[in-house]
PDB file of N, CA and C in Angstrom:
ATOM      1  N   MET A   1      -6.076   4.422 -13.564  1.00  0.00           N
ATOM      2  CA  MET A   1      -5.014   5.145 -13.088  1.00  0.00           C
ATOM      3  C   MET A   1      -4.714   6.632 -14.550  1.00  0.00           C
ATOM      4  N   THR A   2      -5.584   6.517 -15.578  1.00  0.00           N
ATOM      5  CA  THR A   2      -4.985   6.712 -16.465  1.00  0.00           C
ATOM      6  C   THR A   2      -5.727   8.698 -16.561  1.00  0.00           C
ATOM      7  N   PRO A   3      -7.007   8.731 -15.953  1.00  0.00           N
ATOM      8  CA  PRO A   3      -7.227  10.217 -15.829  1.00  0.00           C
ATOM      9  C   PRO A   3      -6.532  10.520 -15.009  1.00  0.00           C
ATOM     10  N   ILE A   4      -6.037  10.320 -13.899  1.00  0.00           N
ATOM     11  CA  ILE A   4      -5.139  11.080 -13.106  1.00  0.00           C
ATOM     12  C   ILE A   4      -3.830  11.221 -13.573  1.00  0.00           C
ATOM     13  N   GLU A   5      -3.321  10.220 -14.067  1.00  0.00           N
ATOM     14  CA  GLU A   5      -2.372  10.552 -15.088  1.00  0.00           C
ATOM     15  C   GLU A   5      -2.176  11.668 -16.125  1.00  0.00           C
ATOM     16  N   GLU A   6      -3.254  11.861 -16.468  1.00  0.00           N
ATOM     17  CA  GLU A   6      -3.709  12.666 -17.643  1.00  0.00           C
ATOM     18  C   GLU A   6      -3.827  14.386 -17.134  1.00  0.00           C
ATOM     19  N   THR A   7      -5.008  14.180 -15.991  1.00  0.00           N
ATOM     20  CA  THR A   7      -4.750  15.576 -15.571  1.00  0.00           C
ATOM     21  C   THR A   7      -3.200  16.201 -14.645  1.00  0.00           C
ATOM     22  N   PHE A   8      -2.921  14.783 -14.275  1.00  0.00           N
ATOM     23  CA  PHE A   8      -1.176  15.543 -13.506  1.00  0.00           C
ATOM     24  C   PHE A   8      -0.393  16.414 -14.155  1.00  0.00           C
ATOM     25  N   GLY A   9      -0.360  15.429 -15.828  1.00  0.00           N
ATOM     26  CA  GLY A   9       0.371  15.542 -16.950  1.00  0.00           C
ATOM     27  C   GLY A   9      -0.128  16.820 -17.141  1.00  0.00           C
ATOM     28  N   LYS A  10      -1.185  17.731 -17.491  1.00  0.00           N
ATOM     29  CA  LYS A  10      -1.598  18.894 -18.144  1.00  0.00           C
ATOM     30  C   LYS A  10      -1.650  19.687 -16.537  1.00  0.00           C
ATOM     31  N   GLU A  11      -1.885  19.410 -15.907  1.00  0.00           N
ATOM     32  CA  GLU A  11      -1.229  20.519 -14.496  1.00  0.00           C
ATOM     33  C   GLU A  11       0.040  20.541 -14.563  1.00  0.00           C
ATOM     34  N   TYR A  12       0.923  19.188 -14.571  1.00  0.00           N
ATOM     35  CA  TYR A  12       2.666  19.744 -13.673  1.00  0.00           C
ATOM     36  C   TYR A  12       3.270  19.277 -14.840  1.00  0.00           C
ATOM     37  N   PRO A  13       3.384  19.495 -16.512  1.00  0.00           N
ATOM     38  CA  PRO A  13       3.895  19.056 -17.233  1.00  0.00           C
ATOM     39  C   PRO A  13       5.597  18.767 -17.025  1.00  0.00           C
ATOM     40  N   ASP A  14       5.832  19.572 -16.541  1.00  0.00           N
ATOM     41  CA  ASP A  14       7.628  19.680 -16.520  1.00  0.00           C
ATOM     42  C   ASP A  14       7.962  19.048 -14.907  1.00  0.00           C
ATOM     43  N   PHE A  15       7.175  18.539 -14.167  1.00  0.00           N
ATOM     44  CA  PHE A  15       7.120  17.158 -13.001  1.00  0.00           C
ATOM     45  C   PHE A  15       7.647  15.886 -13.244  1.00  0.00           C
ATOM     46  N   ASP A  16       8.663  16.022 -13.308  1.00  0.00           N
ATOM     47  CA  ASP A  16       9.825  14.679 -13.499  1.00  0.00           C
ATOM     48  C   ASP A  16      10.763  14.018 -12.624  1.00  0.00           C
ATOM     49  N   PRO A  17      10.316  13.932 -11.492  1.00  0.00           N
ATOM     50  CA  PRO A  17      10.773  13.581 -10.348  1.00  0.00           C
ATOM     51  C   PRO A  17      11.886  11.795 -10.499  1.00  0.00           C
ATOM     52  N   PHE A  18      12.835  12.078  -9.812  1.00  0.00           N
ATOM     53  CA  PHE A  18      13.874  12.107 -10.551  1.00  0.00           C
ATOM     54  C   PHE A  18      13.599  10.244  -9.199  1.00  0.00           C
ATOM     55  N   PRO A  19      13.693   8.752  -9.643  1.00  0.00           N
ATOM     56  CA  PRO A  19      14.981   8.182 -10.473  1.00  0.00           C
ATOM     57  C   PRO A  19      13.548   7.889 -12.024  1.00  0.00           C
ATOM     58  N   PHE A  20      12.193   7.701 -11.368  1.00  0.00           N
ATOM     59  CA  PHE A  20      11.565   6.791 -12.237  1.00  0.00           C
ATOM     60  C   PHE A  20      10.144   7.823 -12.944  1.00  0.00           C
ATOM     61  N   GLY A  21      10.346   8.530 -12.763  1.00  0.00           N
ATOM     62  CA  GLY A  21       9.778   9.717 -13.038  1.00  0.00           C
ATOM     63  C   GLY A  21       7.954   9.578 -12.979  1.00  0.00           C
ATOM     64  N   SER A  22       6.977  10.616 -13.607  1.00  0.00           N
ATOM     65  CA  SER A  22       5.967  10.996 -12.891  1.00  0.00           C
ATOM     66  C   SER A  22       4.993   9.753 -12.302  1.00  0.00           C
ATOM     67  N   GLN A  23       4.783   8.657 -13.968  1.00  0.00           N
ATOM     68  CA  GLN A  23       4.009   7.986 -13.538  1.00  0.00           C
ATOM     69  C   GLN A  23       3.935   6.849 -12.697  1.00  0.00           C
ATOM     70  N   SER A  24       5.920   6.551 -12.124  1.00  0.00           N
ATOM     71  CA  SER A  24       5.707   5.733 -11.376  1.00  0.00           C
ATOM     72  C   SER A  24       5.193   6.559  -9.725  1.00  0.00           C
ATOM     73  N   TRP A  25       5.653   8.003  -9.764  1.00  0.00           N
ATOM     74  CA  TRP A  25       4.996   8.327  -8.465  1.00  0.00           C
ATOM     75  C   TRP A  25       3.725   8.555  -8.366  1.00  0.00           C
ATOM     76  N   ILE A  26       3.318   8.720  -8.989  1.00  0.00           N
ATOM     77  CA  ILE A  26       1.402   8.851  -8.780  1.00  0.00           C
ATOM     78  C   ILE A  26       0.977   7.702  -8.479  1.00  0.00           C
ATOM     79  N   MET A  27       1.470   6.447  -9.615  1.00  0.00           N
ATOM     80  CA  MET A  27       0.932   4.786  -8.779  1.00  0.00           C
ATOM     81  C   MET A  27       1.651   4.703  -7.435  1.00  0.00           C
ATOM     82  N   THR A  28       2.204   5.031  -7.024  1.00  0.00           N
ATOM     83  CA  THR A  28       2.628   4.543  -5.613  1.00  0.00           C
ATOM     84  C   THR A  28       2.095   5.841  -4.678  1.00  0.00           C
ATOM     85  N   LEU A  29       1.769   7.029  -4.908  1.00  0.00           N
ATOM     86  CA  LEU A  29       1.151   7.548  -3.658  1.00  0.00           C
ATOM     87  C   LEU A  29      -0.419   7.193  -3.663  1.00  0.00           C
ATOM     88  N   VAL A  30      -1.039   6.772  -5.473  1.00  0.00           N
ATOM     89  CA  VAL A  30      -2.382   6.276  -5.261  1.00  0.00           C
ATOM     90  C   VAL A  30      -2.316   5.263  -4.561  1.00  0.00           C
ATOM     91  N   ARG A  31      -1.836   4.534  -4.724  1.00  0.00           N
ATOM     92  CA  ARG A  31      -2.192   2.512  -4.442  1.00  0.00           C
ATOM     93  C   ARG A  31      -1.285   2.949  -2.866  1.00  0.00           C
ATOM     94  N   ASN A  32      -0.513   3.433  -2.303  1.00  0.00           N
ATOM     95  CA  ASN A  32      -0.113   3.272  -0.993  1.00  0.00           C
ATOM     96  C   ASN A  32      -0.340   3.774  -0.295  1.00  0.00           C
ATOM     97  N   ILE A  33      -1.353   5.203  -0.533  1.00  0.00           N
ATOM     98  CA  ILE A  33      -1.778   6.131   0.345  1.00  0.00           C
ATOM     99  C   ILE A  33      -3.155   6.362   0.102  1.00  0.00           C
ATOM    100  N   LEU A  34      -3.876   6.416  -0.948  1.00  0.00           N
ATOM    101  CA  LEU A  34      -5.099   7.410  -1.315  1.00  0.00           C
ATOM    102  C   LEU A  34      -5.943   5.653  -1.203  1.00  0.00           C
ATOM    103  N   LEU A  35      -5.553   4.878  -1.627  1.00  0.00           N
ATOM    104  CA  LEU A  35      -5.946   3.424  -1.861  1.00  0.00           C
ATOM    105  C   LEU A  35      -5.792   2.671  -0.374  1.00  0.00           C
ATOM    106  N   ALA A  36      -4.573   2.600  -0.016  1.00  0.00           N
ATOM    107  CA  ALA A  36      -4.460   2.071   1.077  1.00  0.00           C
ATOM    108  C   ALA A  36      -5.392   2.718   2.755  1.00  0.00           C
ATOM    109  N   GLU A  37      -4.689   3.802   2.734  1.00  0.00           N
ATOM    110  CA  GLU A  37      -5.500   4.545   4.092  1.00  0.00           C
ATOM    111  C   GLU A  37      -6.963   3.799   4.566  1.00  0.00           C
ATOM    112  N   PRO A  38      -7.408   3.814   3.479  1.00  0.00           N
ATOM    113  CA  PRO A  38      -8.629   3.599   3.740  1.00  0.00           C
ATOM    114  C   PRO A  38      -9.600   1.958   4.905  1.00  0.00           C
ATOM    115  N   MET A  39      -8.364   0.981   4.119  1.00  0.00           N
ATOM    116  CA  MET A  39      -8.254  -0.326   4.470  1.00  0.00           C
ATOM    117  C   MET A  39      -7.652  -0.456   5.809  1.00  0.00           C
ATOM    118  N   LEU A  40      -7.233   0.519   6.458  1.00  0.00           N
ATOM    119  CA  LEU A  40      -6.717   0.408   7.864  1.00  0.00           C
ATOM    120  C   LEU A  40      -7.230  -0.339   8.999  1.00  0.00           C
ATOM    121  N   ASP A  41      -8.642   0.307   9.039  1.00  0.00           N
ATOM    122  CA  ASP A  41      -9.420  -0.524  10.040  1.00  0.00           C
ATOM    123  C   ASP A  41      -9.875  -1.813   9.634  1.00  0.00           C
ATOM    124  N   ASP A  42     -10.043  -2.448   8.418  1.00  0.00           N
ATOM    125  CA  ASP A  42     -10.196  -3.828   8.017  1.00  0.00           C
ATOM    126  C   ASP A  42      -8.934  -4.678   8.346  1.00  0.00           C
ATOM    127  N   PHE A  43      -7.961  -4.176   7.743  1.00  0.00           N
ATOM    128  CA  PHE A  43      -6.513  -4.869   8.220  1.00  0.00           C
ATOM    129  C   PHE A  43      -6.155  -5.022   9.773  1.00  0.00           C
ATOM    130  N   GLY A  44      -6.824  -4.151  11.067  1.00  0.00           N
ATOM    131  CA  GLY A  44      -6.637  -4.720  11.984  1.00  0.00           C
ATOM    132  C   GLY A  44      -7.657  -5.013  12.470  1.00  0.00           C
ATOM    133  N   ARG A  45      -8.324  -5.605  11.960  1.00  0.00           N
ATOM    134  CA  ARG A  45      -8.999  -6.079  12.960  1.00  0.00           C
ATOM    135  C   ARG A  45      -9.296  -7.565  12.226  1.00  0.00           C
ATOM    136  N   CYS A  46      -8.556  -7.807  11.352  1.00  0.00           N
ATOM    137  CA  CYS A  46      -7.882  -9.504  11.025  1.00  0.00           C
ATOM    138  C   CYS A  46      -6.778  -9.459  11.994  1.00  0.00           C
ATOM    139  N   PHE A  47      -6.499  -8.776  13.206  1.00  0.00           N
ATOM    140  CA  PHE A  47      -5.407  -8.489  14.315  1.00  0.00           C
ATOM    141  C   PHE A  47      -6.000  -9.048  15.535  1.00  0.00           C
ATOM    142  N   ALA A  48      -7.158  -8.729  15.708  1.00  0.00           N
ATOM    143  CA  ALA A  48      -7.828  -8.205  16.703  1.00  0.00           C
ATOM    144  C   ALA A  48      -7.506  -8.972  17.680  1.00  0.00           C
ATOM    145  N   ASP A  49      -7.726 -10.768  17.360  1.00  0.00           N
ATOM    146  CA  ASP A  49      -7.387 -11.645  18.318  1.00  0.00           C
ATOM    147  C   ASP A  49      -5.922 -11.535  18.874  1.00  0.00           C
ATOM    148  N   VAL A  50      -5.196 -11.257  18.341  1.00  0.00           N
ATOM    149  CA  VAL A  50      -3.620 -11.682  18.440  1.00  0.00           C
ATOM    150  C   VAL A  50      -3.465 -11.189  19.786  1.00  0.00           C
ATOM    151  N   SER A  51      -2.786 -11.940  20.880  1.00  0.00           N
ATOM    152  CA  SER A  51      -2.862 -11.066  22.237  1.00  0.00           C
ATOM    153  C   SER A  51      -1.297 -10.291  22.308  1.00  0.00           C
ATOM    154  N   ARG A  52      -1.274  -9.438  23.252  1.00  0.00           N
ATOM    155  CA  ARG A  52       0.008  -8.988  23.699  1.00  0.00           C
ATOM    156  C   ARG A  52       1.463  -9.634  23.610  1.00  0.00           C
ATOM    157  N   GLY A  53       0.829 -11.222  24.351  1.00  0.00           N
ATOM    158  CA  GLY A  53       1.885 -11.855  24.107  1.00  0.00           C
ATOM    159  C   GLY A  53       2.326 -12.251  23.428  1.00  0.00           C
ATOM    160  N   GLU A  54       1.876 -12.520  22.078  1.00  0.00           N
ATOM    161  CA  GLU A  54       2.601 -13.440  20.910  1.00  0.00           C
ATOM    162  C   GLU A  54       3.643 -12.580  20.502  1.00  0.00           C
ATOM    163  N   THR A  55       4.443 -13.757  19.987  1.00  0.00           N
ATOM    164  CA  THR A  55       6.246 -12.957  19.701  1.00  0.00           C
ATOM    165  C   THR A  55       5.786 -12.779  18.245  1.00  0.00           C
ATOM    166  N   THR A  56       6.600 -11.744  17.485  1.00  0.00           N
ATOM    167  CA  THR A  56       6.376 -11.228  16.129  1.00  0.00           C
ATOM    168  C   THR A  56       6.797 -12.320  15.515  1.00  0.00           C
ATOM    169  N   GLY A  57       7.827 -13.566  15.966  1.00  0.00           N
ATOM    170  CA  GLY A  57       7.545 -15.063  15.131  1.00  0.00           C
ATOM    171  C   GLY A  57       6.955 -15.873  15.142  1.00  0.00           C
ATOM    172  N   GLU A  58       5.776 -15.834  15.689  1.00  0.00           N
ATOM    173  CA  GLU A  58       4.229 -16.184  15.366  1.00  0.00           C
ATOM    174  C   GLU A  58       3.633 -15.855  15.053  1.00  0.00           C
ATOM    175  N   LEU A  59       3.606 -14.632  15.101  1.00  0.00           N
ATOM    176  CA  LEU A  59       2.805 -13.793  14.117  1.00  0.00           C
ATOM    177  C   LEU A  59       3.771 -14.151  12.799  1.00  0.00           C
ATOM    178  N   ALA A  60       4.531 -13.958  12.169  1.00  0.00           N
ATOM    179  CA  ALA A  60       5.375 -13.723  11.205  1.00  0.00           C
ATOM    180  C   ALA A  60       5.359 -15.897  10.502  1.00  0.00           C
ATOM    181  N   ASP A  61       5.248 -16.677  11.225  1.00  0.00           N
ATOM    182  CA  ASP A  61       4.624 -17.752  10.546  1.00  0.00           C
ATOM    183  C   ASP A  61       3.752 -18.136  10.764  1.00  0.00           C
ATOM    184  N   SER A  62       2.517 -17.330  11.249  1.00  0.00           N
ATOM    185  CA  SER A  62       1.455 -17.418  10.516  1.00  0.00           C
ATOM    186  C   SER A  62       1.333 -17.322   8.865  1.00  0.00           C
ATOM    187  N   PHE A  63       2.046 -16.601   8.476  1.00  0.00           N
ATOM    188  CA  PHE A  63       2.126 -16.257   6.671  1.00  0.00           C
ATOM    189  C   PHE A  63       2.667 -17.240   6.047  1.00  0.00           C
ATOM    190  N   ARG A  64       3.062 -18.440   6.525  1.00  0.00           N
ATOM    191  CA  ARG A  64       3.880 -19.020   5.746  1.00  0.00           C
ATOM    192  C   ARG A  64       3.189 -19.454   4.988  1.00  0.00           C
ATOM    193  N   LEU A  65       3.577 -20.413   3.545  1.00  0.00           N
ATOM    194  CA  LEU A  65       2.828 -20.781   2.838  1.00  0.00           C
ATOM    195  C   LEU A  65       2.175 -21.975   2.902  1.00  0.00           C
ATOM    196  N   GLU A  66       2.866 -22.913   3.751  1.00  0.00           N
ATOM    197  CA  GLU A  66       2.140 -23.861   4.295  1.00  0.00           C
ATOM    198  C   GLU A  66       1.248 -23.825   5.351  1.00  0.00           C
ATOM    199  N   ASN A  67       0.266 -22.632   5.581  1.00  0.00           N
ATOM    200  CA  ASN A  67      -0.179 -22.185   6.370  1.00  0.00           C
ATOM    201  C   ASN A  67      -2.069 -22.021   5.468  1.00  0.00           C
ATOM    202  N   TYR A  68      -1.448 -22.077   4.104  1.00  0.00           N
ATOM    203  CA  TYR A  68      -2.682 -22.143   3.576  1.00  0.00           C
ATOM    204  C   TYR A  68      -3.180 -22.288   2.921  1.00  0.00           C
ATOM    205  N   ALA A  69      -4.662 -22.727   2.753  1.00  0.00           N
ATOM    206  CA  ALA A  69      -5.508 -23.972   2.661  1.00  0.00           C
ATOM    207  C   ALA A  69      -5.878 -23.723   0.853  1.00  0.00           C
TER     208      ALA A  69
END
């Protein structure tokens, strides 16, 4: 993250978005967009066997802590 933050600081020295500043803004964008978007297909494959008939409750229950070994 440091090279991105340094470059951003040089190019946009006065940018200070409210309320958390540029570092938080950059980290949020890089993590949530730049790095997450390429993982969409992999994430989607995790749900390939889920039928349309399953309820959201059944899906949510599958993530319960006691279901992990």
